[in-house]
Amino acid sequence: MPSPLEWIRHVEYLAHLDDTQRDTIEPMPVVAGQTICVANEVADAAYVIASGAVQIIIHRIDGAEVVTARLEPGQYFGEQA
């Protein structure tokens, strides 16, 4: 039976990982509208989109929200060190 995370073998950012390393990846379900991380705060993880989409939003000084990017499955953001 394939792992629920089998799809990560096809993500370029994670392609170098061996099976043991891939097994340490934990899914993080999120709901629409949920904040995953905030700019200028220390990120403690890298996030890879498995399904759905993520919008990168900045808040202007006047309070308006501006979508600066939309990430799709296979794309990633967050800690990359």
N, C-alpha and C. Protein backbone atom coordinates (compact mmCIF):
# COMPACT_ATOMS: atom_id res chain seq x y z
N MET A 1 0.85 -1.19 0.00
CA MET A 1 0.00 0.00 0.00
C MET A 1 0.89 1.25 0.00
N PRO A 2 0.69 2.17 -0.96
CA PRO A 2 1.53 3.36 -1.01
C PRO A 2 1.27 4.29 0.17
N SER A 3 2.29 5.04 0.54
CA SER A 3 2.19 6.02 1.63
C SER A 3 1.23 7.13 1.22
N PRO A 4 0.52 7.71 2.20
CA PRO A 4 -0.34 8.86 1.88
C PRO A 4 0.48 10.05 1.35
N LEU A 5 1.78 10.03 1.62
CA LEU A 5 2.63 11.12 1.17
C LEU A 5 3.43 10.76 -0.08
N GLU A 6 2.99 9.75 -0.80
CA GLU A 6 3.69 9.30 -2.01
C GLU A 6 3.87 10.44 -3.02
N TRP A 7 2.95 11.37 -3.08
CA TRP A 7 3.00 12.47 -4.03
C TRP A 7 4.26 13.32 -3.86
N ILE A 8 4.87 13.33 -2.66
CA ILE A 8 6.04 14.18 -2.47
C ILE A 8 7.25 13.73 -3.27
N ARG A 9 7.25 12.48 -3.72
CA ARG A 9 8.35 12.01 -4.58
C ARG A 9 8.44 12.82 -5.86
N HIS A 10 7.34 13.47 -6.24
CA HIS A 10 7.27 14.20 -7.50
C HIS A 10 7.45 15.71 -7.31
N VAL A 11 7.73 16.14 -6.07
CA VAL A 11 7.96 17.56 -5.80
C VAL A 11 9.46 17.82 -5.90
N GLU A 12 9.84 18.64 -6.86
CA GLU A 12 11.26 18.88 -7.13
C GLU A 12 12.03 19.29 -5.87
N TYR A 13 11.45 20.15 -5.05
CA TYR A 13 12.07 20.65 -3.83
C TYR A 13 12.43 19.52 -2.87
N LEU A 14 11.69 18.39 -2.91
CA LEU A 14 11.90 17.28 -1.98
C LEU A 14 12.48 16.04 -2.65
N ALA A 15 12.76 16.11 -3.92
CA ALA A 15 13.18 14.93 -4.69
C ALA A 15 14.46 14.29 -4.15
N HIS A 16 15.31 15.06 -3.51
CA HIS A 16 16.58 14.53 -3.00
C HIS A 16 16.43 13.71 -1.71
N LEU A 17 15.27 13.74 -1.08
CA LEU A 17 15.07 13.03 0.18
C LEU A 17 14.98 11.52 -0.04
N ASP A 18 15.54 10.75 0.89
CA ASP A 18 15.38 9.30 0.81
C ASP A 18 14.10 8.92 1.57
N ASP A 19 13.73 7.64 1.54
CA ASP A 19 12.48 7.19 2.16
C ASP A 19 12.42 7.52 3.64
N THR A 20 13.53 7.36 4.36
CA THR A 20 13.55 7.65 5.80
C THR A 20 13.28 9.12 6.05
N GLN A 21 13.88 9.99 5.27
CA GLN A 21 13.65 11.42 5.43
C GLN A 21 12.22 11.79 5.06
N ARG A 22 11.71 11.22 3.98
CA ARG A 22 10.32 11.50 3.56
C ARG A 22 9.33 11.07 4.63
N ASP A 23 9.64 9.99 5.34
CA ASP A 23 8.74 9.50 6.38
C ASP A 23 8.63 10.45 7.56
N THR A 24 9.53 11.43 7.68
CA THR A 24 9.46 12.39 8.78
C THR A 24 8.54 13.57 8.46
N ILE A 25 8.08 13.66 7.22
CA ILE A 25 7.20 14.76 6.82
C ILE A 25 5.80 14.52 7.37
N GLU A 26 5.26 15.55 7.99
CA GLU A 26 3.94 15.44 8.59
C GLU A 26 2.95 16.32 7.84
N PRO A 27 1.80 15.77 7.47
CA PRO A 27 0.77 16.59 6.82
C PRO A 27 0.20 17.61 7.81
N MET A 28 -0.20 18.75 7.30
CA MET A 28 -0.82 19.79 8.12
C MET A 28 -2.08 20.27 7.41
N PRO A 29 -3.21 19.64 7.72
CA PRO A 29 -4.45 20.08 7.08
C PRO A 29 -4.78 21.52 7.50
N VAL A 30 -5.26 22.29 6.56
CA VAL A 30 -5.70 23.66 6.84
C VAL A 30 -7.07 23.87 6.21
N VAL A 31 -7.77 24.87 6.71
CA VAL A 31 -9.09 25.20 6.17
C VAL A 31 -9.00 26.53 5.41
N ALA A 32 -9.90 26.75 4.51
CA ALA A 32 -9.92 27.98 3.72
C ALA A 32 -9.91 29.19 4.65
N GLY A 33 -9.05 30.15 4.34
CA GLY A 33 -8.98 31.38 5.11
C GLY A 33 -8.03 31.32 6.30
N GLN A 34 -7.51 30.14 6.61
CA GLN A 34 -6.62 29.98 7.76
C GLN A 34 -5.26 30.61 7.47
N THR A 35 -4.72 31.34 8.45
CA THR A 35 -3.37 31.89 8.34
C THR A 35 -2.38 30.79 8.69
N ILE A 36 -1.43 30.56 7.79
CA ILE A 36 -0.44 29.50 7.99
C ILE A 36 0.83 30.08 8.62
N CYS A 37 1.29 31.20 8.11
CA CYS A 37 2.43 31.89 8.71
C CYS A 37 2.31 33.37 8.40
N VAL A 38 3.08 34.17 9.11
CA VAL A 38 3.00 35.62 8.99
C VAL A 38 4.37 36.16 8.59
N ALA A 39 4.39 37.09 7.65
CA ALA A 39 5.65 37.69 7.19
C ALA A 39 6.40 38.32 8.36
N ASN A 40 7.71 38.23 8.30
CA ASN A 40 8.62 38.80 9.30
C ASN A 40 8.62 38.07 10.63
N GLU A 41 7.92 36.96 10.73
CA GLU A 41 8.02 36.09 11.90
C GLU A 41 8.90 34.91 11.50
N VAL A 42 9.62 34.37 12.46
CA VAL A 42 10.51 33.26 12.18
C VAL A 42 9.69 32.04 11.78
N ALA A 43 9.99 31.49 10.60
CA ALA A 43 9.31 30.29 10.14
C ALA A 43 10.03 29.08 10.72
N ASP A 44 9.27 28.07 11.12
CA ASP A 44 9.89 26.86 11.69
C ASP A 44 9.64 25.64 10.83
N ALA A 45 9.12 25.87 9.64
CA ALA A 45 8.82 24.74 8.74
C ALA A 45 8.75 25.23 7.31
N ALA A 46 8.89 24.30 6.40
CA ALA A 46 8.63 24.56 4.99
C ALA A 46 7.29 23.90 4.69
N TYR A 47 6.49 24.53 3.89
CA TYR A 47 5.15 24.03 3.58
C TYR A 47 5.08 23.74 2.09
N VAL A 48 4.63 22.54 1.75
CA VAL A 48 4.44 22.14 0.36
C VAL A 48 2.95 21.93 0.15
N ILE A 49 2.39 22.54 -0.86
CA ILE A 49 0.96 22.43 -1.11
C ILE A 49 0.67 21.10 -1.79
N ALA A 50 -0.17 20.28 -1.15
CA ALA A 50 -0.55 18.97 -1.70
C ALA A 50 -1.80 19.10 -2.56
N SER A 51 -2.74 19.92 -2.13
CA SER A 51 -3.97 20.14 -2.89
C SER A 51 -4.51 21.52 -2.53
N GLY A 52 -5.36 22.02 -3.39
CA GLY A 52 -5.89 23.36 -3.16
C GLY A 52 -4.89 24.41 -3.59
N ALA A 53 -4.96 25.58 -2.97
CA ALA A 53 -4.07 26.68 -3.30
C ALA A 53 -3.84 27.53 -2.06
N VAL A 54 -2.75 28.27 -2.08
CA VAL A 54 -2.41 29.19 -1.00
C VAL A 54 -2.20 30.56 -1.61
N GLN A 55 -2.78 31.56 -0.98
CA GLN A 55 -2.55 32.93 -1.43
C GLN A 55 -1.55 33.58 -0.48
N ILE A 56 -0.59 34.29 -1.06
CA ILE A 56 0.35 35.09 -0.28
C ILE A 56 -0.22 36.50 -0.28
N ILE A 57 -0.53 36.99 0.91
CA ILE A 57 -1.22 38.28 1.05
C ILE A 57 -0.37 39.22 1.89
N ILE A 58 -0.27 40.48 1.46
CA ILE A 58 0.35 41.49 2.30
C ILE A 58 -0.75 42.48 2.71
N HIS A 59 -0.53 43.08 3.85
CA HIS A 59 -1.47 44.09 4.35
C HIS A 59 -0.80 45.46 4.19
N ARG A 60 -1.44 46.29 3.39
CA ARG A 60 -0.90 47.63 3.16
C ARG A 60 -1.12 48.49 4.39
N ILE A 61 -0.41 49.59 4.44
CA ILE A 61 -0.52 50.50 5.58
C ILE A 61 -1.94 51.06 5.74
N ASP A 62 -2.69 51.13 4.62
CA ASP A 62 -4.06 51.63 4.68
C ASP A 62 -5.05 50.53 5.08
N GLY A 63 -4.52 49.32 5.37
CA GLY A 63 -5.36 48.22 5.82
C GLY A 63 -5.84 47.29 4.71
N ALA A 64 -5.61 47.69 3.46
CA ALA A 64 -6.05 46.85 2.34
C ALA A 64 -5.18 45.60 2.24
N GLU A 65 -5.80 44.49 1.83
CA GLU A 65 -5.06 43.25 1.58
C GLU A 65 -4.76 43.15 0.09
N VAL A 66 -3.51 42.76 -0.23
CA VAL A 66 -3.09 42.61 -1.62
C VAL A 66 -2.55 41.20 -1.80
N VAL A 67 -3.12 40.45 -2.74
CA VAL A 67 -2.63 39.11 -3.06
C VAL A 67 -1.41 39.28 -3.95
N THR A 68 -0.25 38.84 -3.45
CA THR A 68 0.99 38.99 -4.22
C THR A 68 1.36 37.73 -4.98
N ALA A 69 0.81 36.59 -4.57
CA ALA A 69 1.10 35.34 -5.27
C ALA A 69 0.02 34.32 -4.94
N ARG A 70 -0.13 33.36 -5.81
CA ARG A 70 -1.03 32.22 -5.58
C ARG A 70 -0.20 30.97 -5.87
N LEU A 71 -0.08 30.09 -4.87
CA LEU A 71 0.71 28.88 -5.00
C LEU A 71 -0.21 27.68 -5.18
N GLU A 72 0.20 26.80 -6.06
CA GLU A 72 -0.60 25.62 -6.42
C GLU A 72 0.09 24.35 -5.93
N PRO A 73 -0.59 23.19 -6.04
CA PRO A 73 0.02 21.93 -5.59
C PRO A 73 1.42 21.71 -6.18
N GLY A 74 2.33 21.29 -5.28
CA GLY A 74 3.72 21.06 -5.66
C GLY A 74 4.61 22.25 -5.38
N GLN A 75 4.03 23.43 -5.19
CA GLN A 75 4.81 24.61 -4.86
C GLN A 75 4.99 24.68 -3.35
N TYR A 76 5.93 25.50 -2.89
CA TYR A 76 6.26 25.54 -1.47
C TYR A 76 6.59 26.95 -1.01
N PHE A 77 6.58 27.14 0.32
CA PHE A 77 6.95 28.42 0.93
C PHE A 77 7.37 28.14 2.37
N GLY A 78 7.91 29.16 3.05
CA GLY A 78 8.31 29.02 4.44
C GLY A 78 9.80 28.80 4.59
N GLU A 79 10.21 28.21 5.70
CA GLU A 79 11.63 27.99 6.03
C GLU A 79 12.29 27.12 4.99
N GLN A 80 13.42 27.58 4.46
CA GLN A 80 14.13 26.83 3.44
C GLN A 80 15.61 26.71 3.74
N ALA A 81 15.99 26.98 4.97
CA ALA A 81 17.41 26.92 5.35
C ALA A 81 17.86 25.48 5.55
